[in-house]
Amino acid sequence: VNFNHSTNPNGNYVWVDKSGLTWDGVNITNAGSSAAIWAYTGANGIKVQNTRIENSYEAAIRLENIDGATVSNCVLTNNAQINSNRSGANGWPHALLGFNAKNVSIWGNTISRNHGEGVGPFRGCSGWYIGGNTVYDNFAVNIYIDTEIGWVTVENNRVYYTGYAVGSNANNRPAGIRVANEVSDFNPSGDDGIVDEITI
């Protein structure tokens, strides 16, 4: 599926709000809006597998307000075109991002050279397993565990940097795995928690 909208913040993408969908082997390129595949409230138990997603305007896959998801054997590359100049001026999303997404398994994927972080849960996520993936050369951070997270396991991933320029300075290497509380970093007076339990 070629949406031809990689520079369009209001462009076409796949919206999922029903449970039990399996997206298998249907590649997506040049999606617009916030994600190539956006699984939203009600899309419990979604599976995305054997799929290549590239050149999306923002994220490749966004999991939001759902319970149960598996992303496996996918290739996510060159997404987050919003930051394709790698300046960070307009912000940047993860290639694979979760908000309030619970019981998510991310395994066997190749996540590389995206213009945002590679993969990670954000606020309200819990029960994430990130294992057996190859994650490299993403902008800023390859695997990012950030802000108000329940438990997460990160294991047996190959995370590396090849020398690919990840910003205006070719020596600006991305972090491999980062655990942070970005919301509280920007608002130290807030009461946001960080990670309840992490296994790496």
C-alpha atoms as a PDB file:
ATOM      1  CA  VAL A   1       0.000   0.000   0.000  1.00  0.00           C
ATOM      2  CA  ASN A   2       1.550   3.322  -1.073  1.00  0.00           C
ATOM      3  CA  PHE A   3      -0.284   6.295   0.415  1.00  0.00           C
ATOM      4  CA  ASN A   4       2.001   8.927  -1.204  1.00  0.00           C
ATOM      5  CA  HIS A   5       1.609  11.129   1.884  1.00  0.00           C
ATOM      6  CA  SER A   6       4.994  10.968   3.649  1.00  0.00           C
ATOM      7  CA  THR A   7       5.145  14.774   3.924  1.00  0.00           C
ATOM      8  CA  ASN A   8       1.469  15.284   4.817  1.00  0.00           C
ATOM      9  CA  PRO A   9       0.513  15.590   8.523  1.00  0.00           C
ATOM     10  CA  ASN A  10      -3.131  15.029   7.503  1.00  0.00           C
ATOM     11  CA  GLY A  11      -2.469  12.248   5.013  1.00  0.00           C
ATOM     12  CA  ASN A  12      -3.874   8.724   4.776  1.00  0.00           C
ATOM     13  CA  TYR A  13      -2.969   5.866   7.104  1.00  0.00           C
ATOM     14  CA  VAL A  14      -4.457   2.663   8.556  1.00  0.00           C
ATOM     15  CA  TRP A  15      -6.834   3.269  11.509  1.00  0.00           C
ATOM     16  CA  VAL A  16      -7.721   0.258  13.685  1.00  0.00           C
ATOM     17  CA  ASP A  17     -10.351   0.427  16.440  1.00  0.00           C
ATOM     18  CA  LYS A  18     -11.680  -3.157  16.435  1.00  0.00           C
ATOM     19  CA  SER A  19     -10.219  -6.074  18.355  1.00  0.00           C
ATOM     20  CA  GLY A  20      -8.508  -9.131  16.939  1.00  0.00           C
ATOM     21  CA  LEU A  21      -7.118  -7.698  13.678  1.00  0.00           C
ATOM     22  CA  THR A  22      -4.095  -9.454  12.153  1.00  0.00           C
ATOM     23  CA  TRP A  23      -2.137  -7.344   9.654  1.00  0.00           C
ATOM     24  CA  ASP A  24       0.109  -9.866   7.924  1.00  0.00           C
ATOM     25  CA  GLY A  25       2.499  -9.195   5.066  1.00  0.00           C
ATOM     26  CA  VAL A  26       0.844  -6.075   3.652  1.00  0.00           C
ATOM     27  CA  ASN A  27       3.643  -3.523   3.330  1.00  0.00           C
ATOM     28  CA  ILE A  28       3.009   0.199   3.819  1.00  0.00           C
ATOM     29  CA  THR A  29       4.980   3.109   2.451  1.00  0.00           C
ATOM     30  CA  ASN A  30       4.577   6.903   2.541  1.00  0.00           C
ATOM     31  CA  ALA A  31       1.757   7.062   5.126  1.00  0.00           C
ATOM     32  CA  GLY A  32       0.671  10.432   6.495  1.00  0.00           C
ATOM     33  CA  SER A  33      -0.709  11.609   9.838  1.00  0.00           C
ATOM     34  CA  SER A  34       0.539  10.243  13.187  1.00  0.00           C
ATOM     35  CA  ALA A  35       1.302   6.648  12.168  1.00  0.00           C
ATOM     36  CA  ALA A  36       1.162   4.217   9.260  1.00  0.00           C
ATOM     37  CA  ILE A  37      -0.824   1.851  11.524  1.00  0.00           C
ATOM     38  CA  TRP A  38      -2.615   3.551  14.407  1.00  0.00           C
ATOM     39  CA  ALA A  39      -4.287   1.071  16.764  1.00  0.00           C
ATOM     40  CA  TYR A  40      -6.628   2.982  19.050  1.00  0.00           C
ATOM     41  CA  THR A  41      -9.180   2.315  21.803  1.00  0.00           C
ATOM     42  CA  GLY A  42     -10.895  -1.000  21.136  1.00  0.00           C
ATOM     43  CA  ALA A  43      -8.107  -2.481  19.007  1.00  0.00           C
ATOM     44  CA  ASN A  44      -7.252  -5.079  21.642  1.00  0.00           C
ATOM     45  CA  GLY A  45      -5.310  -8.134  20.563  1.00  0.00           C
ATOM     46  CA  ILE A  46      -4.008  -6.599  17.338  1.00  0.00           C
ATOM     47  CA  LYS A  47      -1.162  -8.410  15.549  1.00  0.00           C
ATOM     48  CA  VAL A  48       1.149  -6.803  13.008  1.00  0.00           C
ATOM     49  CA  GLN A  49       3.561  -9.276  11.461  1.00  0.00           C
ATOM     50  CA  ASN A  50       5.775  -9.923   8.427  1.00  0.00           C
ATOM     51  CA  THR A  51       5.299  -6.334   7.273  1.00  0.00           C
ATOM     52  CA  ARG A  52       7.633  -3.595   6.039  1.00  0.00           C
ATOM     53  CA  ILE A  53       6.697  -0.010   6.914  1.00  0.00           C
ATOM     54  CA  GLU A  54       8.799   2.852   5.589  1.00  0.00           C
ATOM     55  CA  ASN A  55       8.783   6.583   4.864  1.00  0.00           C
ATOM     56  CA  SER A  56       5.858   7.444   7.173  1.00  0.00           C
ATOM     57  CA  TYR A  57       5.301  11.077   8.136  1.00  0.00           C
ATOM     58  CA  GLU A  58       5.439  10.207  11.855  1.00  0.00           C
ATOM     59  CA  ALA A  59       5.430   6.765  13.527  1.00  0.00           C
ATOM     60  CA  ALA A  60       5.297   3.434  11.732  1.00  0.00           C
ATOM     61  CA  ILE A  61       3.094   1.851  14.430  1.00  0.00           C
ATOM     62  CA  ARG A  62       1.268   3.638  17.251  1.00  0.00           C
ATOM     63  CA  LEU A  63      -0.487   1.624  19.962  1.00  0.00           C
ATOM     64  CA  GLU A  64      -2.822   3.753  22.079  1.00  0.00           C
ATOM     65  CA  ASN A  65      -5.352   2.876  24.796  1.00  0.00           C
ATOM     66  CA  ILE A  66      -5.300  -0.847  24.019  1.00  0.00           C
ATOM     67  CA  ASP A  67      -4.763  -4.107  25.874  1.00  0.00           C
ATOM     68  CA  GLY A  68      -2.870  -6.823  24.021  1.00  0.00           C
ATOM     69  CA  ALA A  69      -0.734  -6.380  20.900  1.00  0.00           C
ATOM     70  CA  THR A  70       2.034  -8.253  19.111  1.00  0.00           C
ATOM     71  CA  VAL A  71       4.414  -6.784  16.542  1.00  0.00           C
ATOM     72  CA  SER A  72       6.691  -9.454  15.073  1.00  0.00           C
ATOM     73  CA  ASN A  73       9.022 -10.036  12.137  1.00  0.00           C
ATOM     74  CA  CYS A  74       8.497  -6.530  10.772  1.00  0.00           C
ATOM     75  CA  VAL A  75      10.918  -4.059   9.201  1.00  0.00           C
ATOM     76  CA  LEU A  76      10.397  -0.429  10.256  1.00  0.00           C
ATOM     77  CA  THR A  77      12.761   1.957   8.511  1.00  0.00           C
ATOM     78  CA  ASN A  78      13.073   5.596   7.433  1.00  0.00           C
ATOM     79  CA  ASN A  79       9.926   6.664   9.292  1.00  0.00           C
ATOM     80  CA  ALA A  80       9.347   9.959  11.162  1.00  0.00           C
ATOM     81  CA  GLN A  81       9.826  12.019   8.016  1.00  0.00           C
ATOM     82  CA  ILE A  82       8.737  15.028  10.106  1.00  0.00           C
ATOM     83  CA  ASN A  83      12.354  15.020  11.313  1.00  0.00           C
ATOM     84  CA  SER A  84      14.041  13.831   8.112  1.00  0.00           C
ATOM     85  CA  ASN A  85      16.609  16.624   8.305  1.00  0.00           C
ATOM     86  CA  ARG A  86      17.429  15.201  11.772  1.00  0.00           C
ATOM     87  CA  SER A  87      17.506  18.635  13.372  1.00  0.00           C
ATOM     88  CA  GLY A  88      14.869  17.819  15.992  1.00  0.00           C
ATOM     89  CA  ALA A  89      13.267  21.229  15.407  1.00  0.00           C
ATOM     90  CA  ASN A  90       9.742  19.819  14.937  1.00  0.00           C
ATOM     91  CA  GLY A  91      10.020  17.017  17.461  1.00  0.00           C
ATOM     92  CA  TRP A  92      10.085  13.367  16.512  1.00  0.00           C
ATOM     93  CA  PRO A  93       8.096  10.213  17.343  1.00  0.00           C
ATOM     94  CA  HIS A  94       9.293   6.674  17.966  1.00  0.00           C
ATOM     95  CA  ALA A  95       9.005   4.371  14.976  1.00  0.00           C
ATOM     96  CA  LEU A  96       7.044   2.022  17.260  1.00  0.00           C
ATOM     97  CA  LEU A  97       5.319   3.878  20.081  1.00  0.00           C
ATOM     98  CA  GLY A  98       2.870   3.075  22.858  1.00  0.00           C
ATOM     99  CA  PHE A  99       0.590   5.318  24.951  1.00  0.00           C
ATOM    100  CA  ASN A 100      -1.456   3.585  27.667  1.00  0.00           C
ATOM    101  CA  ALA A 101      -0.875   0.291  25.852  1.00  0.00           C
ATOM    102  CA  LYS A 102      -0.746  -2.808  28.007  1.00  0.00           C
ATOM    103  CA  ASN A 103       0.485  -6.380  27.442  1.00  0.00           C
ATOM    104  CA  VAL A 104       2.472  -5.687  24.289  1.00  0.00           C
ATOM    105  CA  SER A 105       5.041  -8.049  22.754  1.00  0.00           C
ATOM    106  CA  ILE A 106       7.620  -6.668  20.318  1.00  0.00           C
ATOM    107  CA  TRP A 107       9.894  -9.386  18.954  1.00  0.00           C
ATOM    108  CA  GLY A 108      11.939 -10.389  15.917  1.00  0.00           C
ATOM    109  CA  ASN A 109      11.743  -6.980  14.234  1.00  0.00           C
ATOM    110  CA  THR A 110      14.353  -4.836  12.496  1.00  0.00           C
ATOM    111  CA  ILE A 111      13.921  -1.177  13.477  1.00  0.00           C
ATOM    112  CA  SER A 112      16.526   1.022  11.855  1.00  0.00           C
ATOM    113  CA  ARG A 113      17.402   4.451  10.528  1.00  0.00           C
ATOM    114  CA  ASN A 114      14.167   6.081  11.588  1.00  0.00           C
ATOM    115  CA  HIS A 115      14.259   9.828  12.180  1.00  0.00           C
ATOM    116  CA  GLY A 116      12.805   9.391  15.668  1.00  0.00           C
ATOM    117  CA  GLU A 117      13.511   6.940  18.480  1.00  0.00           C
ATOM    118  CA  GLY A 118      13.370   3.281  17.540  1.00  0.00           C
ATOM    119  CA  VAL A 119      10.911   1.604  19.908  1.00  0.00           C
ATOM    120  CA  GLY A 120       9.435   2.142  23.333  1.00  0.00           C
ATOM    121  CA  PRO A 121       6.496   2.553  25.675  1.00  0.00           C
ATOM    122  CA  PHE A 122       5.449   5.963  26.975  1.00  0.00           C
ATOM    123  CA  ARG A 123       2.918   7.122  29.575  1.00  0.00           C
ATOM    124  CA  GLY A 124       0.547   4.546  31.003  1.00  0.00           C
ATOM    125  CA  CYS A 125       2.124   1.478  29.371  1.00  0.00           C
ATOM    126  CA  SER A 126       2.710  -1.773  31.251  1.00  0.00           C
ATOM    127  CA  GLY A 127       3.441  -5.398  30.501  1.00  0.00           C
ATOM    128  CA  TRP A 128       5.767  -4.730  27.566  1.00  0.00           C
ATOM    129  CA  TYR A 129       8.194  -7.340  26.243  1.00  0.00           C
ATOM    130  CA  ILE A 130      10.845  -6.084  23.793  1.00  0.00           C
ATOM    131  CA  GLY A 131      13.045  -9.001  22.795  1.00  0.00           C
ATOM    132  CA  GLY A 132      15.015 -10.499  19.934  1.00  0.00           C
ATOM    133  CA  ASN A 133      14.902  -7.339  17.817  1.00  0.00           C
ATOM    134  CA  THR A 134      17.646  -5.677  15.794  1.00  0.00           C
ATOM    135  CA  VAL A 135      17.565  -1.942  16.508  1.00  0.00           C
ATOM    136  CA  TYR A 136      20.146   0.466  15.096  1.00  0.00           C
ATOM    137  CA  ASP A 137      20.897   3.960  13.796  1.00  0.00           C
ATOM    138  CA  ASN A 138      17.652   5.565  14.985  1.00  0.00           C
ATOM    139  CA  PHE A 139      17.618   9.261  15.865  1.00  0.00           C
ATOM    140  CA  ALA A 140      18.542  10.071  19.484  1.00  0.00           C
ATOM    141  CA  VAL A 141      17.665   6.718  21.134  1.00  0.00           C
ATOM    142  CA  ASN A 142      17.234   3.167  19.847  1.00  0.00           C
ATOM    143  CA  ILE A 143      15.137   1.709  22.700  1.00  0.00           C
ATOM    144  CA  TYR A 144      13.488   4.323  24.926  1.00  0.00           C
ATOM    145  CA  ILE A 145      11.603   3.428  28.122  1.00  0.00           C
ATOM    146  CA  ASP A 146      10.007   6.677  29.268  1.00  0.00           C
ATOM    147  CA  THR A 147       7.638   8.044  31.935  1.00  0.00           C
ATOM    148  CA  GLU A 148       4.943   6.338  34.018  1.00  0.00           C
ATOM    149  CA  ILE A 149       5.626   2.791  32.898  1.00  0.00           C
ATOM    150  CA  GLY A 150       4.525  -0.368  34.709  1.00  0.00           C
ATOM    151  CA  TRP A 151       6.745  -3.377  34.093  1.00  0.00           C
ATOM    152  CA  VAL A 152       8.807  -3.900  30.969  1.00  0.00           C
ATOM    153  CA  THR A 153      11.314  -6.534  29.882  1.00  0.00           C
ATOM    154  CA  VAL A 154      14.031  -5.710  27.358  1.00  0.00           C
ATOM    155  CA  GLU A 155      16.209  -8.707  26.461  1.00  0.00           C
ATOM    156  CA  ASN A 156      18.287 -10.322  23.743  1.00  0.00           C
ATOM    157  CA  ASN A 157      18.133  -7.354  21.351  1.00  0.00           C
ATOM    158  CA  ARG A 158      20.974  -6.373  19.041  1.00  0.00           C
ATOM    159  CA  VAL A 159      21.320  -2.609  19.505  1.00  0.00           C
ATOM    160  CA  TYR A 160      24.123  -0.792  17.719  1.00  0.00           C
ATOM    161  CA  TYR A 161      25.387   2.169  15.710  1.00  0.00           C
ATOM    162  CA  THR A 162      27.049   1.831  12.301  1.00  0.00           C
ATOM    163  CA  GLY A 163      28.351   5.393  11.910  1.00  0.00           C
ATOM    164  CA  TYR A 164      25.236   6.567  10.071  1.00  0.00           C
ATOM    165  CA  ALA A 165      24.786  10.317  10.671  1.00  0.00           C
ATOM    166  CA  VAL A 166      21.986  10.784  13.181  1.00  0.00           C
ATOM    167  CA  GLY A 167      21.973  14.565  13.361  1.00  0.00           C
ATOM    168  CA  SER A 168      23.673  17.658  12.035  1.00  0.00           C
ATOM    169  CA  ASN A 169      26.856  16.361  13.673  1.00  0.00           C
ATOM    170  CA  ALA A 170      27.957  12.986  12.295  1.00  0.00           C
ATOM    171  CA  ASN A 171      29.571  12.244  15.671  1.00  0.00           C
ATOM    172  CA  ASN A 172      26.208  12.546  17.465  1.00  0.00           C
ATOM    173  CA  ARG A 173      25.608   8.872  18.250  1.00  0.00           C
ATOM    174  CA  PRO A 174      22.198   7.622  19.390  1.00  0.00           C
ATOM    175  CA  ALA A 175      21.834   6.101  22.841  1.00  0.00           C
ATOM    176  CA  GLY A 176      21.409   2.330  22.853  1.00  0.00           C
ATOM    177  CA  ILE A 177      18.838   1.861  25.634  1.00  0.00           C
ATOM    178  CA  ARG A 178      17.627   4.797  27.710  1.00  0.00           C
ATOM    179  CA  VAL A 179      15.344   4.818  30.752  1.00  0.00           C
ATOM    180  CA  ALA A 180      14.027   8.297  31.506  1.00  0.00           C
ATOM    181  CA  ASN A 181      11.225  10.400  32.913  1.00  0.00           C
ATOM    182  CA  GLU A 182      10.996  13.033  30.214  1.00  0.00           C
ATOM    183  CA  VAL A 183       7.778  14.601  31.498  1.00  0.00           C
ATOM    184  CA  SER A 184       9.292  15.306  34.924  1.00  0.00           C
ATOM    185  CA  ASP A 185      12.517  16.463  33.289  1.00  0.00           C
ATOM    186  CA  PHE A 186      10.491  19.271  31.708  1.00  0.00           C
ATOM    187  CA  ASN A 187       8.272  19.801  34.766  1.00  0.00           C
ATOM    188  CA  PRO A 188      10.277  18.942  37.891  1.00  0.00           C
ATOM    189  CA  SER A 189       7.428  20.029  40.178  1.00  0.00           C
ATOM    190  CA  GLY A 190       5.123  17.334  38.749  1.00  0.00           C
ATOM    191  CA  ASP A 191       4.449  14.000  40.390  1.00  0.00           C
ATOM    192  CA  ASP A 192       4.920  11.714  37.388  1.00  0.00           C
ATOM    193  CA  GLY A 193       6.402   8.338  38.211  1.00  0.00           C
ATOM    194  CA  ILE A 194       9.028   6.583  36.176  1.00  0.00           C
ATOM    195  CA  VAL A 195       9.342   2.800  35.710  1.00  0.00           C
ATOM    196  CA  ASP A 196       7.828   0.416  38.262  1.00  0.00           C
ATOM    197  CA  GLU A 197       9.891  -2.572  37.195  1.00  0.00           C
ATOM    198  CA  ILE A 198      12.321  -3.076  34.338  1.00  0.00           C
ATOM    199  CA  THR A 199      14.334  -6.139  33.393  1.00  0.00           C
ATOM    200  CA  ILE A 200      17.211  -5.713  30.953  1.00  0.00           C
END
